[in-house]
Amino acid sequence: MSQLRLDPLTGRWIAVVLERAERPHDFAPRSLAGEGDPERGCPFCPGHEEAAPSFESHSPNGDWRVRVVPNRYPAFSGDEPMAVEHRGPVFMQAPASGIHEVLVLGPEHGTSWADLPDDHAEQVMTAIRGRIAAHANHPGLRYSQAIVNSGREAGASLEHPHAQLLGIPFVPREIADELAGFARFSGSCLLCTTWEAEVVVGHRVIHDDGDIVVLCPFWSGTPFELLVVPKDHDPHLHAATDALLAATGRAIRDALHRLRAVVGDVAYNLVFHSAPYRVHDDYHWHVHALPKLTTRAGFELGTGVLINIIPPEIAARDLRAAS
C-alpha cells in the first residue's frame, strides 16, 4: 500500500510507493557535461585563471585549491534596484540584479566532493560562508543560493566539479514556503525536532558525528534524498563557526561517497538553504542532497505531488551499509 507523507518544511504531500521497497539496480550513471570551447579547454582547470577571484584558498604548497570567480553568463547581475514595472493587466517585470559566481571545488578535473580530504572540504564550506556574507552586505540583495549541479541530468554545463553562488534581490518561493513551515511549527524549531526524533528512532539516520546529522527525511520526495542538518540551531549559514563548517564539509563528503557506493556515479544536486539575510526567526539552515534517479512525469508536473519509489527507510538502510 502506498502512503502520503507531509513535508512540514513546504506543506506539500509526498507519495511513497511501498510496493517497490527494494532498491532497483538499474539506475543510469550520470552523463558527462560539456567542456566549453574545445580549442581552449576546460575553463576551470589550472592554466585558465584569467578571471580575478572573489575568493581563493590555497594548499600547503601554495597552489590554489578553491576559487570563486564571476560567472561568465550570469543569470543575475548589476546593482539596479528591484522596481516592479507593470506592463499590462497581468504582465509585471523587474531587473534581474544581483551577483552570480562560480565556486571551483578544486583544480583536479575529475575530482568530486565525495573525494575531498577533510581540510579541502572545509575550504569549500568556508568559501560558501564567505561569499554569502559578502552578498549580505550588498544593498538591495535579500537572499543567497548556493548549489552544486553534478552531471548533465542535474543541470551541469561543465564536467569540472563546481558550485554556483547567486545573490538575488528577492526571497524565492521555496524559501518562503520553508519559512512558513517553520512558522507553522510553533513552540520549537522544526529541524531541531526532526533531527532529535530521527536520532531516537534511528531508521533514517546515516550519519551522526555529534555536530551534523545526515538522514533520509521521512517525507523524501525522491529516491535516496538526503537532508544535512547541523545540530546547532542558527538561521544563517554565513554565521557558522569554523568547526561546524568543517563538520558539514565532511558530512557531505561522506554522504556523497555512500551514495556513489550504493547507486553508482549518478547525477545529483546539492542545495544549501539559509535564511534571508535579515530574517532572524526560527529558521534553521540545512543542505538538501537530491540524486537524479527518476524523472518527474505528467502527474508530478501537473499536481506538484512527488512520487518516491524508494521509501527513505530502505534508502537509509542501504546507505548505512555502504562503506
C-alpha atoms as a PDB file:
ATOM      1  CA  MET A   1       0.000   0.000   0.000  1.00  0.00           C
ATOM      2  CA  SER A   2       1.271   3.470  -0.857  1.00  0.00           C
ATOM      3  CA  GLN A   3       1.379   6.317   1.638  1.00  0.00           C
ATOM      4  CA  LEU A   4       1.069  10.078   1.598  1.00  0.00           C
ATOM      5  CA  ARG A   5       3.625  11.841   3.773  1.00  0.00           C
ATOM      6  CA  LEU A   6       3.570  15.556   4.545  1.00  0.00           C
ATOM      7  CA  ASP A   7       6.716  17.623   4.064  1.00  0.00           C
ATOM      8  CA  PRO A   8       6.430  20.036   7.009  1.00  0.00           C
ATOM      9  CA  LEU A   9       9.006  22.401   5.508  1.00  0.00           C
ATOM     10  CA  THR A  10       6.863  23.226   2.471  1.00  0.00           C
ATOM     11  CA  GLY A  11       3.398  21.886   3.299  1.00  0.00           C
ATOM     12  CA  ARG A  12       3.475  19.600   0.240  1.00  0.00           C
ATOM     13  CA  TRP A  13       2.305  15.993   0.173  1.00  0.00           C
ATOM     14  CA  ILE A  14       4.681  13.251  -0.985  1.00  0.00           C
ATOM     15  CA  ALA A  15       3.505   9.857  -2.284  1.00  0.00           C
ATOM     16  CA  VAL A  16       5.726   6.962  -1.127  1.00  0.00           C
ATOM     17  CA  VAL A  17       5.174   3.724  -3.062  1.00  0.00           C
ATOM     18  CA  LEU A  18       5.800   0.919  -0.584  1.00  0.00           C
ATOM     19  CA  GLU A  19       5.259  -1.877  -3.122  1.00  0.00           C
ATOM     20  CA  ARG A  20       8.648  -1.070  -4.657  1.00  0.00           C
ATOM     21  CA  ALA A  21      10.510  -1.070  -1.378  1.00  0.00           C
ATOM     22  CA  GLU A  22      13.605  -2.915  -2.567  1.00  0.00           C
ATOM     23  CA  ARG A  23      16.260  -0.818  -4.212  1.00  0.00           C
ATOM     24  CA  PRO A  24      16.305  -1.109  -8.002  1.00  0.00           C
ATOM     25  CA  HIS A  25      19.688  -1.879  -9.527  1.00  0.00           C
ATOM     26  CA  ASP A  26      19.272  -0.190 -12.889  1.00  0.00           C
ATOM     27  CA  PHE A  27      19.806   3.495 -12.096  1.00  0.00           C
ATOM     28  CA  ALA A  28      21.604   5.109 -15.022  1.00  0.00           C
ATOM     29  CA  PRO A  29      25.034   6.660 -14.357  1.00  0.00           C
ATOM     30  CA  ARG A  30      25.314  10.383 -14.908  1.00  0.00           C
ATOM     31  CA  SER A  31      26.251  11.575 -18.364  1.00  0.00           C
ATOM     32  CA  LEU A  32      29.173  13.947 -18.542  1.00  0.00           C
ATOM     33  CA  ALA A  33      28.628  17.626 -19.115  1.00  0.00           C
ATOM     34  CA  GLY A  34      30.418  19.554 -21.831  1.00  0.00           C
ATOM     35  CA  GLU A  35      33.839  21.148 -21.731  1.00  0.00           C
ATOM     36  CA  GLY A  36      33.099  24.614 -23.128  1.00  0.00           C
ATOM     37  CA  ASP A  37      35.310  25.734 -26.027  1.00  0.00           C
ATOM     38  CA  PRO A  38      37.103  22.557 -27.263  1.00  0.00           C
ATOM     39  CA  GLU A  39      40.035  24.611 -28.557  1.00  0.00           C
ATOM     40  CA  ARG A  40      40.519  26.436 -25.266  1.00  0.00           C
ATOM     41  CA  GLY A  41      39.899  23.506 -22.938  1.00  0.00           C
ATOM     42  CA  CYS A  42      38.211  23.463 -19.541  1.00  0.00           C
ATOM     43  CA  PRO A  43      37.942  26.996 -18.142  1.00  0.00           C
ATOM     44  CA  PHE A  44      38.158  25.729 -14.541  1.00  0.00           C
ATOM     45  CA  CYS A  45      41.401  23.745 -14.870  1.00  0.00           C
ATOM     46  CA  PRO A  46      44.766  25.251 -13.841  1.00  0.00           C
ATOM     47  CA  GLY A  47      46.190  27.442 -16.592  1.00  0.00           C
ATOM     48  CA  HIS A  48      42.903  29.252 -17.218  1.00  0.00           C
ATOM     49  CA  GLU A  49      42.891  31.643 -14.262  1.00  0.00           C
ATOM     50  CA  GLU A  50      42.170  34.828 -16.217  1.00  0.00           C
ATOM     51  CA  ALA A  51      39.236  35.852 -14.046  1.00  0.00           C
ATOM     52  CA  ALA A  52      40.182  37.623 -10.827  1.00  0.00           C
ATOM     53  CA  PRO A  53      38.872  35.578  -7.885  1.00  0.00           C
ATOM     54  CA  SER A  54      36.371  36.903  -5.380  1.00  0.00           C
ATOM     55  CA  PHE A  55      37.756  34.248  -3.015  1.00  0.00           C
ATOM     56  CA  GLU A  56      40.709  31.904  -3.217  1.00  0.00           C
ATOM     57  CA  SER A  57      42.222  29.388  -0.809  1.00  0.00           C
ATOM     58  CA  HIS A  58      45.459  27.500  -1.205  1.00  0.00           C
ATOM     59  CA  SER A  59      47.099  24.173  -0.440  1.00  0.00           C
ATOM     60  CA  PRO A  60      50.195  23.947   1.808  1.00  0.00           C
ATOM     61  CA  ASN A  61      52.451  24.147  -1.268  1.00  0.00           C
ATOM     62  CA  GLY A  62      50.862  27.435  -2.373  1.00  0.00           C
ATOM     63  CA  ASP A  63      48.739  26.209  -5.308  1.00  0.00           C
ATOM     64  CA  TRP A  64      45.114  27.328  -5.392  1.00  0.00           C
ATOM     65  CA  ARG A  65      42.642  24.800  -4.074  1.00  0.00           C
ATOM     66  CA  VAL A  66      39.265  26.571  -4.152  1.00  0.00           C
ATOM     67  CA  ARG A  67      38.408  29.573  -6.325  1.00  0.00           C
ATOM     68  CA  VAL A  68      35.318  31.763  -6.616  1.00  0.00           C
ATOM     69  CA  VAL A  69      35.069  33.799  -9.829  1.00  0.00           C
ATOM     70  CA  PRO A  70      32.311  35.752 -11.588  1.00  0.00           C
ATOM     71  CA  ASN A  71      30.056  33.673 -13.821  1.00  0.00           C
ATOM     72  CA  ARG A  72      30.675  34.500 -17.479  1.00  0.00           C
ATOM     73  CA  TYR A  73      26.988  34.129 -18.260  1.00  0.00           C
ATOM     74  CA  PRO A  74      25.246  35.455 -15.137  1.00  0.00           C
ATOM     75  CA  ALA A  75      21.549  34.967 -14.526  1.00  0.00           C
ATOM     76  CA  PHE A  76      21.669  37.912 -12.091  1.00  0.00           C
ATOM     77  CA  SER A  77      23.955  40.939 -12.434  1.00  0.00           C
ATOM     78  CA  GLY A  78      24.107  44.653 -11.757  1.00  0.00           C
ATOM     79  CA  ASP A  79      23.018  46.965  -8.952  1.00  0.00           C
ATOM     80  CA  GLU A  80      19.753  48.307 -10.340  1.00  0.00           C
ATOM     81  CA  PRO A  81      17.043  48.426  -7.638  1.00  0.00           C
ATOM     82  CA  MET A  82      14.267  45.853  -7.887  1.00  0.00           C
ATOM     83  CA  ALA A  83      11.496  48.148  -9.049  1.00  0.00           C
ATOM     84  CA  VAL A  84       8.483  46.219 -10.368  1.00  0.00           C
ATOM     85  CA  GLU A  85       7.159  47.604 -13.638  1.00  0.00           C
ATOM     86  CA  HIS A  86       3.567  46.921 -14.729  1.00  0.00           C
ATOM     87  CA  ARG A  87       3.448  46.278 -18.487  1.00  0.00           C
ATOM     88  CA  GLY A  88      -0.217  45.313 -18.692  1.00  0.00           C
ATOM     89  CA  PRO A  89      -3.057  43.765 -16.689  1.00  0.00           C
ATOM     90  CA  VAL A  90      -1.093  40.580 -15.915  1.00  0.00           C
ATOM     91  CA  PHE A  91       2.442  41.484 -17.054  1.00  0.00           C
ATOM     92  CA  MET A  92       4.973  42.575 -14.440  1.00  0.00           C
ATOM     93  CA  GLN A  93       8.730  42.652 -14.675  1.00  0.00           C
ATOM     94  CA  ALA A  94      11.758  43.803 -12.687  1.00  0.00           C
ATOM     95  CA  PRO A  95      15.522  43.958 -13.280  1.00  0.00           C
ATOM     96  CA  ALA A  96      17.367  40.709 -12.567  1.00  0.00           C
ATOM     97  CA  SER A  97      20.006  42.463 -10.481  1.00  0.00           C
ATOM     98  CA  GLY A  98      22.362  40.578  -8.247  1.00  0.00           C
ATOM     99  CA  ILE A  99      25.551  38.510  -8.105  1.00  0.00           C
ATOM    100  CA  HIS A 100      26.256  35.224  -9.887  1.00  0.00           C
ATOM    101  CA  GLU A 101      29.541  33.461  -9.128  1.00  0.00           C
ATOM    102  CA  VAL A 102      31.165  30.087  -9.775  1.00  0.00           C
ATOM    103  CA  LEU A 103      32.942  28.219  -6.990  1.00  0.00           C
ATOM    104  CA  VAL A 104      35.508  25.807  -8.443  1.00  0.00           C
ATOM    105  CA  LEU A 105      35.709  22.919  -5.967  1.00  0.00           C
ATOM    106  CA  GLY A 106      39.309  22.053  -6.804  1.00  0.00           C
ATOM    107  CA  PRO A 107      41.953  22.141  -9.547  1.00  0.00           C
ATOM    108  CA  GLU A 108      41.614  18.431 -10.429  1.00  0.00           C
ATOM    109  CA  HIS A 109      39.266  17.972 -13.370  1.00  0.00           C
ATOM    110  CA  GLY A 110      37.960  14.558 -12.352  1.00  0.00           C
ATOM    111  CA  THR A 111      37.552  15.095  -8.627  1.00  0.00           C
ATOM    112  CA  SER A 112      34.275  15.192  -6.717  1.00  0.00           C
ATOM    113  CA  TRP A 113      33.168  16.459  -3.308  1.00  0.00           C
ATOM    114  CA  ALA A 114      32.917  12.743  -2.436  1.00  0.00           C
ATOM    115  CA  ASP A 115      36.714  12.506  -2.797  1.00  0.00           C
ATOM    116  CA  LEU A 116      37.858  15.642  -0.943  1.00  0.00           C
ATOM    117  CA  PRO A 117      40.124  15.324   2.115  1.00  0.00           C
ATOM    118  CA  ASP A 118      38.843  16.885   5.337  1.00  0.00           C
ATOM    119  CA  ASP A 119      40.677  20.207   5.078  1.00  0.00           C
ATOM    120  CA  HIS A 120      39.707  20.658   1.431  1.00  0.00           C
ATOM    121  CA  ALA A 121      36.015  20.043   2.169  1.00  0.00           C
ATOM    122  CA  GLU A 122      36.282  22.642   4.942  1.00  0.00           C
ATOM    123  CA  GLN A 123      37.785  25.151   2.489  1.00  0.00           C
ATOM    124  CA  VAL A 124      34.795  24.685   0.176  1.00  0.00           C
ATOM    125  CA  MET A 125      32.390  25.380   3.035  1.00  0.00           C
ATOM    126  CA  THR A 126      34.487  28.380   4.128  1.00  0.00           C
ATOM    127  CA  ALA A 127      34.231  29.805   0.605  1.00  0.00           C
ATOM    128  CA  ILE A 128      30.449  29.409   0.628  1.00  0.00           C
ATOM    129  CA  ARG A 129      30.212  31.124   4.023  1.00  0.00           C
ATOM    130  CA  GLY A 130      32.476  33.977   2.945  1.00  0.00           C
ATOM    131  CA  ARG A 131      30.645  34.732  -0.261  1.00  0.00           C
ATOM    132  CA  ILE A 132      27.185  34.626   1.352  1.00  0.00           C
ATOM    133  CA  ALA A 133      28.465  37.056   3.994  1.00  0.00           C
ATOM    134  CA  ALA A 134      29.767  39.326   1.220  1.00  0.00           C
ATOM    135  CA  HIS A 135      26.447  39.151  -0.645  1.00  0.00           C
ATOM    136  CA  ALA A 136      24.590  40.114   2.541  1.00  0.00           C
ATOM    137  CA  ASN A 137      26.448  43.437   2.599  1.00  0.00           C
ATOM    138  CA  HIS A 138      25.205  44.444  -0.850  1.00  0.00           C
ATOM    139  CA  PRO A 139      22.275  46.877  -0.702  1.00  0.00           C
ATOM    140  CA  GLY A 140      19.191  45.587  -2.478  1.00  0.00           C
ATOM    141  CA  LEU A 141      20.036  41.869  -2.157  1.00  0.00           C
ATOM    142  CA  ARG A 142      17.922  39.707   0.142  1.00  0.00           C
ATOM    143  CA  TYR A 143      18.988  36.085  -0.269  1.00  0.00           C
ATOM    144  CA  SER A 144      21.900  33.889  -1.422  1.00  0.00           C
ATOM    145  CA  GLN A 145      21.516  30.468  -3.009  1.00  0.00           C
ATOM    146  CA  ALA A 146      24.456  28.039  -3.153  1.00  0.00           C
ATOM    147  CA  ILE A 147      24.070  24.969  -5.364  1.00  0.00           C
ATOM    148  CA  VAL A 148      26.158  22.128  -6.784  1.00  0.00           C
ATOM    149  CA  ASN A 149      24.964  20.537 -10.021  1.00  0.00           C
ATOM    150  CA  SER A 150      26.841  17.306 -10.774  1.00  0.00           C
ATOM    151  CA  GLY A 151      26.153  15.659 -14.132  1.00  0.00           C
ATOM    152  CA  ARG A 152      24.238  16.872 -17.150  1.00  0.00           C
ATOM    153  CA  GLU A 153      20.958  15.453 -15.814  1.00  0.00           C
ATOM    154  CA  ALA A 154      21.368  17.705 -12.766  1.00  0.00           C
ATOM    155  CA  GLY A 155      21.920  20.806 -14.881  1.00  0.00           C
ATOM    156  CA  ALA A 156      25.731  20.959 -15.061  1.00  0.00           C
ATOM    157  CA  SER A 157      27.041  22.543 -18.258  1.00  0.00           C
ATOM    158  CA  LEU A 158      30.699  21.716 -17.478  1.00  0.00           C
ATOM    159  CA  GLU A 159      32.152  18.487 -16.128  1.00  0.00           C
ATOM    160  CA  HIS A 160      34.769  20.098 -13.861  1.00  0.00           C
ATOM    161  CA  PRO A 161      33.279  19.995 -10.319  1.00  0.00           C
ATOM    162  CA  HIS A 162      31.955  23.397  -9.327  1.00  0.00           C
ATOM    163  CA  ALA A 163      29.217  25.157  -7.411  1.00  0.00           C
ATOM    164  CA  GLN A 164      27.246  28.284  -8.158  1.00  0.00           C
ATOM    165  CA  LEU A 165      26.561  31.152  -5.759  1.00  0.00           C
ATOM    166  CA  LEU A 166      23.751  33.574  -6.514  1.00  0.00           C
ATOM    167  CA  GLY A 167      22.827  36.692  -4.565  1.00  0.00           C
ATOM    168  CA  ILE A 168      19.326  37.803  -5.561  1.00  0.00           C
ATOM    169  CA  PRO A 169      17.022  40.745  -4.735  1.00  0.00           C
ATOM    170  CA  PHE A 170      14.009  38.706  -3.590  1.00  0.00           C
ATOM    171  CA  VAL A 171      13.168  35.712  -1.395  1.00  0.00           C
ATOM    172  CA  PRO A 172      12.365  32.749  -3.689  1.00  0.00           C
ATOM    173  CA  ARG A 173       9.184  30.709  -3.310  1.00  0.00           C
ATOM    174  CA  GLU A 174      10.954  27.604  -1.981  1.00  0.00           C
ATOM    175  CA  ILE A 175      12.470  29.575   0.895  1.00  0.00           C
ATOM    176  CA  ALA A 176       9.207  31.405   1.553  1.00  0.00           C
ATOM    177  CA  ASP A 177       7.466  28.016   1.796  1.00  0.00           C
ATOM    178  CA  GLU A 178      10.103  26.778   4.249  1.00  0.00           C
ATOM    179  CA  LEU A 179       9.816  29.948   6.326  1.00  0.00           C
ATOM    180  CA  ALA A 180       6.070  29.293   6.515  1.00  0.00           C
ATOM    181  CA  GLY A 181       6.762  25.684   7.541  1.00  0.00           C
ATOM    182  CA  PHE A 182       8.935  26.813  10.432  1.00  0.00           C
ATOM    183  CA  ALA A 183       6.291  29.367  11.446  1.00  0.00           C
ATOM    184  CA  ARG A 184       3.561  26.701  11.452  1.00  0.00           C
ATOM    185  CA  PHE A 185       5.660  24.552  13.802  1.00  0.00           C
ATOM    186  CA  SER A 186       5.298  26.950  16.710  1.00  0.00           C
ATOM    187  CA  GLY A 187       6.932  26.363  20.061  1.00  0.00           C
ATOM    188  CA  SER A 188      10.200  24.825  18.874  1.00  0.00           C
ATOM    189  CA  CYS A 189      12.391  24.550  15.798  1.00  0.00           C
ATOM    190  CA  LEU A 190      11.088  22.189  13.118  1.00  0.00           C
ATOM    191  CA  LEU A 191      14.514  20.842  12.110  1.00  0.00           C
ATOM    192  CA  CYS A 192      15.835  20.591  15.690  1.00  0.00           C
ATOM    193  CA  THR A 193      12.763  18.499  16.489  1.00  0.00           C
ATOM    194  CA  THR A 194      13.305  16.480  13.307  1.00  0.00           C
ATOM    195  CA  TRP A 195      16.910  15.506  13.945  1.00  0.00           C
ATOM    196  CA  GLU A 196      16.260  14.805  17.620  1.00  0.00           C
ATOM    197  CA  ALA A 197      13.361  12.476  16.796  1.00  0.00           C
ATOM    198  CA  GLU A 198      15.263  10.779  13.966  1.00  0.00           C
ATOM    199  CA  VAL A 199      18.295  10.085  16.185  1.00  0.00           C
ATOM    200  CA  VAL A 200      15.997   8.419  18.724  1.00  0.00           C
ATOM    201  CA  VAL A 201      14.313   6.071  16.236  1.00  0.00           C
ATOM    202  CA  GLY A 202      17.409   5.610  14.057  1.00  0.00           C
ATOM    203  CA  HIS A 203      15.585   4.250  10.999  1.00  0.00           C
ATOM    204  CA  ARG A 204      16.542   7.042   8.608  1.00  0.00           C
ATOM    205  CA  VAL A 205      19.843   8.385  10.025  1.00  0.00           C
ATOM    206  CA  ILE A 206      23.016   7.594   8.063  1.00  0.00           C
ATOM    207  CA  HIS A 207      25.463   9.939   9.833  1.00  0.00           C
ATOM    208  CA  ASP A 208      25.662  11.483  13.311  1.00  0.00           C
ATOM    209  CA  ASP A 209      29.022  12.822  14.481  1.00  0.00           C
ATOM    210  CA  GLY A 210      27.699  14.985  17.311  1.00  0.00           C
ATOM    211  CA  ASP A 211      27.713  18.145  15.180  1.00  0.00           C
ATOM    212  CA  ILE A 212      25.882  17.122  11.989  1.00  0.00           C
ATOM    213  CA  VAL A 213      23.066  14.678  11.314  1.00  0.00           C
ATOM    214  CA  VAL A 214      22.521  13.316   7.794  1.00  0.00           C
ATOM    215  CA  LEU A 215      19.251  11.495   7.225  1.00  0.00           C
ATOM    216  CA  CYS A 216      16.831  10.359   4.576  1.00  0.00           C
ATOM    217  CA  PRO A 217      13.861  12.531   5.580  1.00  0.00           C
ATOM    218  CA  PHE A 218      10.567  10.850   6.413  1.00  0.00           C
ATOM    219  CA  TRP A 219       8.951  12.979   3.692  1.00  0.00           C
ATOM    220  CA  SER A 220      11.557  12.166   0.987  1.00  0.00           C
ATOM    221  CA  GLY A 221      10.102  13.049  -2.384  1.00  0.00           C
ATOM    222  CA  THR A 222      12.814  11.375  -4.473  1.00  0.00           C
ATOM    223  CA  PRO A 223      14.801   8.120  -4.066  1.00  0.00           C
ATOM    224  CA  PHE A 224      17.820   8.449  -1.761  1.00  0.00           C
ATOM    225  CA  GLU A 225      17.069  12.081  -0.947  1.00  0.00           C
ATOM    226  CA  LEU A 226      19.311  13.322   1.881  1.00  0.00           C
ATOM    227  CA  LEU A 227      18.993  16.122   4.424  1.00  0.00           C
ATOM    228  CA  VAL A 228      22.097  17.509   6.147  1.00  0.00           C
ATOM    229  CA  VAL A 229      21.222  19.279   9.423  1.00  0.00           C
ATOM    230  CA  PRO A 230      23.639  20.999  11.836  1.00  0.00           C
ATOM    231  CA  LYS A 231      22.695  20.254  15.431  1.00  0.00           C
ATOM    232  CA  ASP A 232      23.485  23.838  16.468  1.00  0.00           C
ATOM    233  CA  HIS A 233      20.437  25.961  15.707  1.00  0.00           C
ATOM    234  CA  ASP A 234      21.178  29.009  13.553  1.00  0.00           C
ATOM    235  CA  PRO A 235      19.189  30.571  10.711  1.00  0.00           C
ATOM    236  CA  HIS A 236      22.279  31.685   8.778  1.00  0.00           C
ATOM    237  CA  LEU A 237      24.989  29.544   7.203  1.00  0.00           C
ATOM    238  CA  HIS A 238      27.258  32.594   6.995  1.00  0.00           C
ATOM    239  CA  ALA A 239      27.265  32.747  10.821  1.00  0.00           C
ATOM    240  CA  ALA A 240      28.509  29.156  11.221  1.00  0.00           C
ATOM    241  CA  THR A 241      31.738  28.508  13.123  1.00  0.00           C
ATOM    242  CA  ASP A 242      34.861  27.069  11.525  1.00  0.00           C
ATOM    243  CA  ALA A 243      34.360  23.806  13.410  1.00  0.00           C
ATOM    244  CA  LEU A 244      30.773  23.448  12.213  1.00  0.00           C
ATOM    245  CA  LEU A 245      31.760  24.221   8.619  1.00  0.00           C
ATOM    246  CA  ALA A 246      34.457  21.552   8.804  1.00  0.00           C
ATOM    247  CA  ALA A 247      31.954  19.016  10.139  1.00  0.00           C
ATOM    248  CA  THR A 248      29.453  19.939   7.423  1.00  0.00           C
ATOM    249  CA  GLY A 249      32.005  19.559   4.642  1.00  0.00           C
ATOM    250  CA  ARG A 250      32.992  16.113   5.937  1.00  0.00           C
ATOM    251  CA  ALA A 251      29.384  15.010   6.373  1.00  0.00           C
ATOM    252  CA  ILE A 252      28.503  15.999   2.804  1.00  0.00           C
ATOM    253  CA  ARG A 253      31.637  14.228   1.528  1.00  0.00           C
ATOM    254  CA  ASP A 254      30.819  11.027   3.412  1.00  0.00           C
ATOM    255  CA  ALA A 255      27.155  11.087   2.365  1.00  0.00           C
ATOM    256  CA  LEU A 256      28.063  11.510  -1.319  1.00  0.00           C
ATOM    257  CA  HIS A 257      30.627   8.720  -1.018  1.00  0.00           C
ATOM    258  CA  ARG A 258      27.986   6.377   0.414  1.00  0.00           C
ATOM    259  CA  LEU A 259      25.527   7.422  -2.278  1.00  0.00           C
ATOM    260  CA  ARG A 260      28.032   6.598  -5.019  1.00  0.00           C
ATOM    261  CA  ALA A 261      28.752   3.216  -3.414  1.00  0.00           C
ATOM    262  CA  VAL A 262      25.052   2.300  -3.380  1.00  0.00           C
ATOM    263  CA  VAL A 263      23.581   3.728  -6.605  1.00  0.00           C
ATOM    264  CA  GLY A 264      26.694   4.426  -8.669  1.00  0.00           C
ATOM    265  CA  ASP A 265      28.052   7.635 -10.138  1.00  0.00           C
ATOM    266  CA  VAL A 266      24.658   9.269 -10.682  1.00  0.00           C
ATOM    267  CA  ALA A 267      23.903  12.938 -11.213  1.00  0.00           C
ATOM    268  CA  TYR A 268      22.826  14.932  -8.169  1.00  0.00           C
ATOM    269  CA  ASN A 269      22.106  18.409  -6.857  1.00  0.00           C
ATOM    270  CA  LEU A 270      23.266  19.910  -3.569  1.00  0.00           C
ATOM    271  CA  VAL A 271      21.080  22.801  -2.416  1.00  0.00           C
ATOM    272  CA  PHE A 272      22.145  24.963   0.532  1.00  0.00           C
ATOM    273  CA  HIS A 273      19.223  26.631   2.296  1.00  0.00           C
ATOM    274  CA  SER A 274      19.963  29.506   4.633  1.00  0.00           C
ATOM    275  CA  ALA A 275      17.626  32.218   5.901  1.00  0.00           C
ATOM    276  CA  PRO A 276      17.299  35.522   4.020  1.00  0.00           C
ATOM    277  CA  TYR A 277      19.903  37.952   5.333  1.00  0.00           C
ATOM    278  CA  ARG A 278      17.611  39.972   7.571  1.00  0.00           C
ATOM    279  CA  VAL A 279      15.480  37.075   8.862  1.00  0.00           C
ATOM    280  CA  HIS A 280      16.189  36.119  12.463  1.00  0.00           C
ATOM    281  CA  ASP A 281      13.289  33.839  13.387  1.00  0.00           C
ATOM    282  CA  ASP A 282      13.113  30.061  13.880  1.00  0.00           C
ATOM    283  CA  TYR A 283      14.643  29.140  10.505  1.00  0.00           C
ATOM    284  CA  HIS A 284      17.447  26.519  10.676  1.00  0.00           C
ATOM    285  CA  TRP A 285      19.974  26.364   7.835  1.00  0.00           C
ATOM    286  CA  HIS A 286      20.463  22.989   6.159  1.00  0.00           C
ATOM    287  CA  VAL A 287      21.512  21.216   2.951  1.00  0.00           C
ATOM    288  CA  HIS A 288      19.437  19.070   0.582  1.00  0.00           C
ATOM    289  CA  ALA A 289      21.162  16.359  -1.495  1.00  0.00           C
ATOM    290  CA  LEU A 290      18.947  15.246  -4.374  1.00  0.00           C
ATOM    291  CA  PRO A 291      20.130  12.382  -6.624  1.00  0.00           C
ATOM    292  CA  LYS A 292      18.667  12.400 -10.140  1.00  0.00           C
ATOM    293  CA  LEU A 293      17.439   8.806 -10.193  1.00  0.00           C
ATOM    294  CA  THR A 294      13.955   9.288 -11.624  1.00  0.00           C
ATOM    295  CA  THR A 295      12.166  11.681 -13.976  1.00  0.00           C
ATOM    296  CA  ARG A 296       9.217  13.825 -12.993  1.00  0.00           C
ATOM    297  CA  ALA A 297       6.367  12.813 -15.274  1.00  0.00           C
ATOM    298  CA  GLY A 298       2.978  14.313 -16.036  1.00  0.00           C
ATOM    299  CA  PHE A 299       1.352  13.649 -12.670  1.00  0.00           C
ATOM    300  CA  GLU A 300       4.200  15.235 -10.724  1.00  0.00           C
ATOM    301  CA  LEU A 301       4.391  18.214 -13.077  1.00  0.00           C
ATOM    302  CA  GLY A 302       0.629  18.680 -13.169  1.00  0.00           C
ATOM    303  CA  THR A 303      -0.038  18.405  -9.442  1.00  0.00           C
ATOM    304  CA  GLY A 304       3.249  19.198  -7.700  1.00  0.00           C
ATOM    305  CA  VAL A 305       2.904  15.883  -5.810  1.00  0.00           C
ATOM    306  CA  LEU A 306       6.115  13.846  -5.965  1.00  0.00           C
ATOM    307  CA  ILE A 307       6.088  10.035  -6.143  1.00  0.00           C
ATOM    308  CA  ASN A 308       9.011   8.324  -4.414  1.00  0.00           C
ATOM    309  CA  ILE A 309       9.552   4.671  -5.382  1.00  0.00           C
ATOM    310  CA  ILE A 310      12.206   4.050  -2.676  1.00  0.00           C
ATOM    311  CA  PRO A 311      10.955   4.635   0.893  1.00  0.00           C
ATOM    312  CA  PRO A 312      13.518   6.563   2.956  1.00  0.00           C
ATOM    313  CA  GLU A 313      13.812   3.733   5.490  1.00  0.00           C
ATOM    314  CA  ILE A 314      15.092   1.416   2.730  1.00  0.00           C
ATOM    315  CA  ALA A 315      17.387   4.101   1.301  1.00  0.00           C
ATOM    316  CA  ALA A 316      18.883   4.803   4.723  1.00  0.00           C
ATOM    317  CA  ARG A 317      19.414   1.099   5.384  1.00  0.00           C
ATOM    318  CA  ASP A 318      21.363   0.706   2.167  1.00  0.00           C
ATOM    319  CA  LEU A 319      23.402   3.876   2.714  1.00  0.00           C
ATOM    320  CA  ARG A 320      24.319   2.867   6.268  1.00  0.00           C
ATOM    321  CA  ALA A 321      25.540  -0.491   4.952  1.00  0.00           C
ATOM    322  CA  ALA A 322      27.824   1.208   2.415  1.00  0.00           C
ATOM    323  CA  SER A 323      31.466   1.590   3.440  1.00  0.00           C
END
